[in-house]
């Protein structure tokens, strides 16, 4: 869907994930789309080099997010949100679910 604009499937996956969750790291993004980590990592590094993303180290992990100083940050976010709305519902739910720690045992759904 966004491949024509961003150039390849890995870049599209990174943008969709970032639009859904606002931040993420390479392995998390790759797992969400059931793909290899290396192409995702390469795209994250390229987007960081070009100024679209910035990262913060959390331990040894680089957690990326949109660079608020990037000239087109609002447009890129809007494009990502629009593309996210065209994904299948189950993939949308998985991407929008931002649970990073285990659920308390016995807690009702």
Protein backbone atom coordinates (compact mmCIF):
# COMPACT_ATOMS: atom_id res chain seq x y z
CA UNK A 1 0.00 0.00 0.00
CA UNK A 2 2.71 2.52 1.00
CA UNK A 3 5.48 0.77 -0.92
CA UNK A 4 5.05 3.08 -3.89
CA UNK A 5 5.70 6.07 -1.66
CA UNK A 6 8.33 4.82 0.80
CA UNK A 7 10.21 2.49 -1.53
CA UNK A 8 9.98 -0.99 0.00
CA UNK A 9 7.99 -3.30 2.26
CA UNK A 10 10.27 -2.93 5.29
CA UNK A 11 9.93 0.84 5.31
CA UNK A 12 6.16 0.45 5.02
CA UNK A 13 6.07 -1.90 8.01
CA UNK A 14 8.17 0.47 10.11
CA UNK A 15 5.89 3.43 9.30
CA UNK A 16 2.72 1.45 10.00
CA UNK A 17 4.07 0.24 13.32
CA UNK A 18 5.26 3.70 14.35
CA UNK A 19 1.92 5.22 13.36
CA UNK A 20 0.12 2.67 15.51
CA UNK A 21 2.31 2.68 18.62
CA UNK A 22 4.39 5.88 18.42
CA UNK A 23 7.58 4.02 19.41
CA UNK A 24 9.21 0.64 18.98
CA UNK A 25 12.39 -1.32 18.51
CA UNK A 26 13.56 -3.52 15.66
CA UNK A 27 12.71 -6.96 17.07
CA UNK A 28 9.26 -5.81 18.23
CA UNK A 29 8.42 -4.45 14.77
CA UNK A 30 9.73 -7.58 13.04
CA UNK A 31 7.68 -9.84 15.33
CA UNK A 32 4.52 -7.83 14.72
CA UNK A 33 4.81 -8.48 10.97
CA UNK A 34 6.42 -11.93 11.25
CA UNK A 35 9.50 -10.90 9.26
CA UNK A 36 13.28 -10.82 9.65
CA UNK A 37 14.89 -8.26 11.96
CA UNK A 38 17.71 -7.19 9.63
CA UNK A 39 15.64 -5.35 6.97
CA UNK A 40 13.61 -3.65 9.71
CA UNK A 41 16.78 -2.61 11.52
CA UNK A 42 18.24 -1.26 8.28
CA UNK A 43 15.13 0.86 7.65
CA UNK A 44 15.12 2.17 11.23
CA UNK A 45 18.77 3.20 10.86
CA UNK A 46 18.10 4.83 7.49
CA UNK A 47 15.12 6.77 8.82
CA UNK A 48 17.16 7.84 11.84
CA UNK A 49 20.05 8.93 9.62
CA UNK A 50 17.62 10.94 7.45
CA UNK A 51 16.12 12.66 10.50
CA UNK A 52 12.62 11.15 10.47
CA UNK A 53 13.17 9.05 13.59
CA UNK A 54 15.19 9.46 16.75
CA UNK A 55 16.11 6.79 19.26
CA UNK A 56 16.59 6.52 22.99
CA UNK A 57 18.60 3.74 24.57
CA UNK A 58 16.77 1.62 27.10
CA UNK A 59 19.46 -0.68 28.38
CA UNK A 60 21.03 -2.11 25.23
CA UNK A 61 17.91 -1.58 23.12
CA UNK A 62 17.36 1.34 20.76
CA UNK A 63 13.74 2.46 21.06
CA UNK A 64 12.77 4.60 18.06
CA UNK A 65 10.09 7.28 17.77
CA UNK A 66 9.20 10.04 15.35
CA UNK A 67 11.51 13.04 15.48
CA UNK A 68 9.34 16.02 16.53
CA UNK A 69 11.76 18.34 14.70
CA UNK A 70 11.34 16.56 11.37
CA UNK A 71 9.77 18.98 8.89
CA UNK A 72 7.03 16.58 7.72
CA UNK A 73 6.38 14.68 10.95
CA UNK A 74 2.66 15.52 11.05
CA UNK A 75 2.17 14.54 7.42
CA UNK A 76 4.03 11.24 7.85
CA UNK A 77 1.98 10.41 10.96
CA UNK A 78 -1.27 11.23 9.13
CA UNK A 79 -0.24 9.09 6.15
CA UNK A 80 0.61 6.21 8.48
CA UNK A 81 -2.72 6.47 10.32
CA UNK A 82 -4.62 6.54 7.02
CA UNK A 83 -2.75 3.47 5.72
CA UNK A 84 -3.33 1.72 9.06
CA UNK A 85 -7.08 2.09 8.61
CA UNK A 86 -6.92 0.01 5.40
CA UNK A 87 -5.24 -3.00 7.03
CA UNK A 88 -7.26 -6.09 8.00
CA UNK A 89 -9.01 -5.71 11.37
CA UNK A 90 -7.00 -8.44 13.12
CA UNK A 91 -3.68 -6.83 12.13
CA UNK A 92 -4.97 -3.41 13.20
CA UNK A 93 -5.91 -4.79 16.62
CA UNK A 94 -2.53 -6.45 17.03
CA UNK A 95 -0.65 -3.28 16.09
CA UNK A 96 -2.77 -1.00 18.26
CA UNK A 97 -2.52 -3.30 21.29
CA UNK A 98 0.42 -1.81 23.14
CA UNK A 99 0.88 -4.25 26.02
CA UNK A 100 4.51 -4.47 27.07
CA UNK A 101 4.23 -6.37 30.32
CA UNK A 102 2.38 -9.51 31.36
CA UNK A 103 -1.21 -9.37 32.48
CA UNK A 104 -1.76 -9.82 36.21
CA UNK A 105 -2.81 -13.39 36.92
CA UNK A 106 -6.50 -13.75 37.66
CA UNK A 107 -7.38 -10.36 36.16
CA UNK A 108 -10.59 -10.56 34.11
CA UNK A 109 -10.45 -9.76 30.43
